[in-house]
Amino acid sequence: MLARRIIACLDVRDGQVVKGVNFSDLRGAGDAAELAARYNAEGIDELIVLDISATLEARRAMSRTIAAIAAELFIPLAAGGGIRSLEDAKAALDAGADKVSINSAALLQPQLITTLAATYGSQAVVVAIDARGSARRGTYDVLSRAGTHLERIDAVAWAREAADRGAGEILLTSIDRDGTRAGFDCALTAAVSTAVSIPVIASGGAGTLDHFAEVFTEGRADAALAASIFHDGDYSVRDLKRSLAAQGIPVRLES
């Protein structure tokens, strides 16, 4: 069985890391490069940096911030926010990212997924899906533009299409659970994980060590992402990995 990955997320606005609840009420969480260096030292498997205001402000993700973070890392780095074209992706990758994450742009122009995969390989293309429970029980709506715009597509159907178009991974965020520390949405994660053959990264709701075990087992996630519990120092990456290993969940432990 492949090792499950633990990923830290840096939501960045104006060069600073921020965190909120349900995509709102943002608060400062520290310097992006400093947090990246800390997580790299603690043994995180990967890092994702998301420029959360780039799409709303119609600008490219900040290459300078990506470069500053990449300089602190010896692990894979994904960058997202404001990537709307092949040129935007090239700028992020040239700045030091190993992967690019696209969300709103993929919904607006799905062919971009295929273009990026053909140019850089599927392993470099992450399609981010922000979802919330819909009025139809057991289904999930997709939202774009930092959770401000409701799309007319089901989350599971969109994940399938993204995979078919060449995405290498799905970054699946539960808006309902984001920042709540109430646990991942395992039903949502399992629905997407069983629908696609590419890795699914679960995001939104991490609050305890057991929440990670749940999303890897009940949610069938390939990776789990967290922000505030790491930023605030509630748990260390080492403690989390040791807890998972003790429960028989394969993770990469330091030698």
Protein backbone atom coordinates (compact mmCIF):
# COMPACT_ATOMS: atom_id res chain seq x y z
CA MET A 1 0.00 0.00 0.00
CA LEU A 2 1.30 3.44 -0.93
CA ALA A 3 2.22 5.79 1.90
CA ARG A 4 -0.44 8.36 2.71
CA ARG A 5 0.77 11.94 2.39
CA ILE A 6 0.45 14.76 4.89
CA ILE A 7 0.29 18.18 3.26
CA ALA A 8 0.42 21.63 4.82
CA CYS A 9 -1.43 24.48 3.13
CA LEU A 10 -0.40 28.12 3.13
CA ASP A 11 -3.29 30.40 2.16
CA VAL A 12 -1.50 33.62 1.25
CA ARG A 13 -2.75 37.16 0.88
CA ASP A 14 -0.31 40.03 0.33
CA GLY A 15 2.61 37.75 1.15
CA GLN A 16 1.25 36.72 4.55
CA VAL A 17 -0.40 33.46 5.54
CA VAL A 18 -4.05 33.78 6.59
CA LYS A 19 -6.68 31.35 7.85
CA GLY A 20 -10.41 31.58 8.35
CA VAL A 21 -13.59 29.58 8.79
CA ASN A 22 -15.82 28.57 5.85
CA PHE A 23 -13.65 30.74 3.58
CA SER A 24 -14.30 33.92 5.63
CA ASP A 25 -13.21 35.79 8.81
CA LEU A 26 -9.55 35.61 7.83
CA ARG A 27 -6.83 36.11 10.43
CA GLY A 28 -3.06 36.35 10.12
CA ALA A 29 -1.06 33.15 10.66
CA GLY A 30 2.54 34.15 9.98
CA ASP A 31 5.17 34.64 7.31
CA ALA A 32 4.90 32.24 4.38
CA ALA A 33 8.61 31.47 3.96
CA GLU A 34 9.15 31.02 7.71
CA LEU A 35 6.24 28.57 7.98
CA ALA A 36 7.49 26.69 4.92
CA ALA A 37 10.91 26.26 6.51
CA ARG A 38 9.33 24.99 9.73
CA TYR A 39 7.17 22.41 8.00
CA ASN A 40 10.07 21.24 5.85
CA ALA A 41 12.12 20.63 9.02
CA GLU A 42 9.22 18.84 10.73
CA GLY A 43 8.88 16.28 7.96
CA ILE A 44 5.79 17.39 6.04
CA ASP A 45 5.45 15.45 2.78
CA GLU A 46 4.34 18.31 0.57
CA LEU A 47 3.32 21.95 0.71
CA ILE A 48 0.62 23.83 -1.17
CA VAL A 49 0.60 27.62 -1.39
CA LEU A 50 -2.63 29.25 -2.54
CA ASP A 51 -2.82 32.94 -3.38
CA ILE A 52 -6.42 33.27 -2.21
CA SER A 53 -7.10 36.74 -3.61
CA ALA A 54 -5.42 36.41 -7.02
CA THR A 55 -8.54 35.18 -8.84
CA LEU A 56 -10.84 37.78 -7.30
CA GLU A 57 -8.31 40.51 -8.11
CA ALA A 58 -7.77 39.13 -11.64
CA ARG A 59 -4.01 38.88 -11.34
CA ARG A 60 -1.34 36.22 -11.57
CA ALA A 61 -0.19 34.28 -8.50
CA MET A 62 2.76 36.00 -6.81
CA SER A 63 5.96 34.56 -8.25
CA ARG A 64 8.07 36.30 -5.62
CA THR A 65 6.21 34.58 -2.80
CA ILE A 66 6.44 31.21 -4.55
CA ALA A 67 10.19 31.66 -5.00
CA ALA A 68 10.69 32.60 -1.35
CA ILE A 69 8.80 29.49 -0.21
CA ALA A 70 10.51 27.17 -2.71
CA ALA A 71 13.92 28.30 -1.43
CA GLU A 72 13.08 26.79 1.97
CA LEU A 73 11.94 23.40 0.71
CA PHE A 74 13.33 20.00 -0.23
CA ILE A 75 9.85 18.57 -0.81
CA PRO A 76 7.24 19.00 -3.57
CA LEU A 77 5.54 22.40 -3.76
CA ALA A 78 2.23 23.11 -5.48
CA ALA A 79 1.12 26.66 -6.22
CA GLY A 80 -2.34 27.96 -7.05
CA GLY A 81 -4.47 31.06 -7.23
CA GLY A 82 -4.75 33.21 -10.32
CA ILE A 83 -3.44 30.58 -12.73
CA ARG A 84 -5.61 31.10 -15.79
CA SER A 85 -3.31 30.22 -18.68
CA LEU A 86 -0.27 28.25 -19.82
CA GLU A 87 1.80 31.40 -19.29
CA ASP A 88 0.59 31.77 -15.69
CA ALA A 89 1.47 28.15 -15.00
CA LYS A 90 4.92 28.60 -16.53
CA ALA A 91 5.57 31.61 -14.29
CA ALA A 92 4.66 29.59 -11.17
CA LEU A 93 6.77 26.60 -12.21
CA ASP A 94 9.70 28.84 -13.18
CA ALA A 95 9.49 30.44 -9.72
CA GLY A 96 10.06 27.04 -8.11
CA ALA A 97 6.73 25.22 -7.90
CA ASP A 98 6.64 21.54 -8.87
CA LYS A 99 2.90 21.52 -9.55
CA VAL A 100 0.18 24.05 -10.29
CA SER A 101 -3.30 24.01 -8.82
CA ILE A 102 -6.17 25.37 -10.91
CA ASN A 103 -9.74 25.89 -9.77
CA SER A 104 -11.91 28.65 -11.25
CA ALA A 105 -9.97 28.72 -14.52
CA ALA A 106 -10.49 24.99 -15.01
CA LEU A 107 -14.25 25.42 -14.65
CA LEU A 108 -14.27 28.35 -17.06
CA GLN A 109 -12.04 26.66 -19.64
CA PRO A 110 -11.76 22.89 -18.98
CA GLN A 111 -9.41 22.49 -21.95
CA LEU A 112 -6.76 24.22 -19.84
CA ILE A 113 -6.42 21.00 -17.83
CA THR A 114 -5.54 19.06 -20.97
CA THR A 115 -3.20 21.77 -22.24
CA LEU A 116 -1.26 21.88 -18.98
CA ALA A 117 -1.08 18.08 -18.76
CA ALA A 118 0.18 17.82 -22.33
CA THR A 119 2.81 20.50 -21.69
CA TYR A 120 4.08 19.61 -18.22
CA GLY A 121 2.68 16.13 -17.54
CA SER A 122 -0.34 15.14 -15.48
CA GLN A 123 1.81 14.88 -12.35
CA ALA A 124 2.19 18.68 -12.45
CA VAL A 125 -1.54 19.44 -12.67
CA VAL A 126 -3.77 19.60 -9.60
CA VAL A 127 -7.43 20.47 -10.05
CA ALA A 128 -8.84 22.06 -6.90
CA ILE A 129 -12.52 21.55 -6.17
CA ASP A 130 -14.29 23.59 -3.48
CA ALA A 131 -17.51 21.79 -2.58
CA ARG A 132 -20.36 22.05 -0.12
CA GLY A 133 -23.41 19.94 0.61
CA SER A 134 -26.32 20.74 -1.67
CA ALA A 135 -30.06 20.77 -1.11
CA ARG A 136 -30.17 17.34 -2.74
CA ARG A 137 -29.19 14.92 0.00
CA GLY A 138 -25.94 13.09 -0.66
CA THR A 139 -24.80 15.44 -3.44
CA TYR A 140 -22.32 18.29 -3.43
CA ASP A 141 -22.23 21.64 -5.21
CA VAL A 142 -19.07 23.13 -6.69
CA LEU A 143 -18.18 26.75 -5.92
CA SER A 144 -15.60 28.89 -7.67
CA ARG A 145 -13.95 32.29 -7.21
CA ALA A 146 -12.83 31.61 -3.63
CA GLY A 147 -16.19 30.11 -2.71
CA THR A 148 -18.26 33.08 -3.91
CA HIS A 149 -19.84 31.67 -7.07
CA LEU A 150 -22.08 28.60 -7.33
CA GLU A 151 -21.40 26.45 -10.38
CA ARG A 152 -24.04 24.33 -12.07
CA ILE A 153 -22.13 21.07 -11.73
CA ASP A 154 -21.95 18.25 -9.20
CA ALA A 155 -18.62 17.81 -7.42
CA VAL A 156 -18.28 14.12 -8.22
CA ALA A 157 -19.14 14.66 -11.88
CA TRP A 158 -16.62 17.51 -12.12
CA ALA A 159 -13.90 15.38 -10.48
CA ARG A 160 -14.49 12.66 -13.08
CA GLU A 161 -14.27 15.16 -15.92
CA ALA A 162 -11.10 16.72 -14.52
CA ALA A 163 -9.47 13.29 -14.29
CA ASP A 164 -10.57 12.42 -17.82
CA ARG A 165 -9.08 15.67 -19.10
CA GLY A 166 -5.64 14.89 -17.65
CA ALA A 167 -5.50 16.10 -14.05
CA GLY A 168 -2.96 14.24 -11.96
CA GLU A 169 -4.60 14.94 -8.59
CA ILE A 170 -7.77 16.37 -7.09
CA LEU A 171 -7.51 18.82 -4.19
CA LEU A 172 -10.93 18.46 -2.60
CA THR A 173 -11.95 21.08 -0.04
CA SER A 174 -15.13 20.91 2.00
CA ILE A 175 -16.34 24.48 2.43
CA ASP A 176 -18.73 23.29 5.14
CA ARG A 177 -15.80 21.99 7.21
CA ASP A 178 -13.13 24.56 6.32
CA GLY A 179 -11.48 25.93 9.46
CA THR A 180 -14.05 24.33 11.79
CA ARG A 181 -11.77 21.58 13.14
CA ALA A 182 -14.86 19.35 13.22
CA GLY A 183 -13.27 16.66 11.07
CA PHE A 184 -12.96 16.06 7.34
CA ASP A 185 -16.09 15.44 5.29
CA CYS A 186 -15.43 11.72 4.82
CA ALA A 187 -18.62 11.15 2.84
CA LEU A 188 -17.67 13.79 0.28
CA THR A 189 -14.09 12.54 0.11
CA ALA A 190 -15.13 8.90 -0.31
CA ALA A 191 -17.61 9.82 -3.04
CA VAL A 192 -14.90 11.51 -5.09
CA SER A 193 -12.14 9.00 -4.25
CA THR A 194 -14.24 6.09 -5.48
CA ALA A 195 -15.25 7.95 -8.64
CA VAL A 196 -11.74 8.69 -9.94
CA SER A 197 -8.53 6.73 -10.39
CA ILE A 198 -6.19 9.61 -9.54
CA PRO A 199 -5.10 10.66 -6.02
CA VAL A 200 -7.50 12.74 -3.96
CA ILE A 201 -6.24 15.22 -1.35
CA ALA A 202 -8.78 15.81 1.42
CA SER A 203 -8.99 19.33 2.80
CA GLY A 204 -11.16 21.16 5.30
CA GLY A 205 -11.95 20.30 8.92
CA ALA A 206 -8.80 18.77 10.42
CA GLY A 207 -8.88 19.22 14.19
CA THR A 208 -7.48 16.09 15.85
CA LEU A 209 -5.08 13.28 15.03
CA ASP A 210 -8.00 10.88 14.71
CA HIS A 211 -9.56 13.01 11.99
CA PHE A 212 -6.65 12.12 9.71
CA ALA A 213 -7.04 8.41 10.37
CA GLU A 214 -10.74 8.70 9.58
CA VAL A 215 -10.25 10.43 6.24
CA PHE A 216 -7.64 7.88 5.18
CA THR A 217 -9.90 4.96 6.07
CA GLU A 218 -13.55 6.05 5.81
CA GLY A 219 -12.80 8.80 3.28
CA ARG A 220 -10.36 6.73 1.19
CA ALA A 221 -8.14 9.77 0.71
CA ASP A 222 -4.64 9.45 -0.69
CA ALA A 223 -3.45 12.57 1.10
CA ALA A 224 -4.77 14.90 3.79
CA LEU A 225 -4.18 18.63 3.98
CA ALA A 226 -4.35 20.88 7.01
CA ALA A 227 -3.55 24.46 7.87
CA SER A 228 -4.62 25.92 11.20
CA ILE A 229 -3.77 22.94 13.42
CA PHE A 230 -0.22 23.10 12.11
CA HIS A 231 0.03 26.91 12.02
CA ASP A 232 -1.18 27.18 15.61
CA GLY A 233 1.10 24.40 16.85
CA ASP A 234 -1.71 22.15 18.13
CA TYR A 235 0.03 19.08 16.72
CA SER A 236 3.40 18.45 15.16
CA VAL A 237 3.82 16.61 11.88
CA ARG A 238 5.94 14.00 13.67
CA ASP A 239 3.24 13.31 16.26
CA LEU A 240 0.63 12.97 13.53
CA LYS A 241 2.69 10.52 11.51
CA ARG A 242 3.53 8.43 14.56
CA SER A 243 -0.15 8.27 15.46
CA LEU A 244 -1.10 7.14 11.97
CA ALA A 245 1.67 4.54 11.83
CA ALA A 246 0.52 3.13 15.18
CA GLN A 247 -2.92 2.62 13.62
CA GLY A 248 -1.46 0.73 10.66
CA ILE A 249 -1.78 3.58 8.17
CA PRO A 250 1.35 3.74 6.00
CA VAL A 251 3.18 7.07 6.18
CA ARG A 252 6.71 8.26 5.48
CA LEU A 253 8.58 8.32 8.77
CA GLU A 254 11.96 9.95 9.29
CA SER A 255 14.85 7.48 9.34
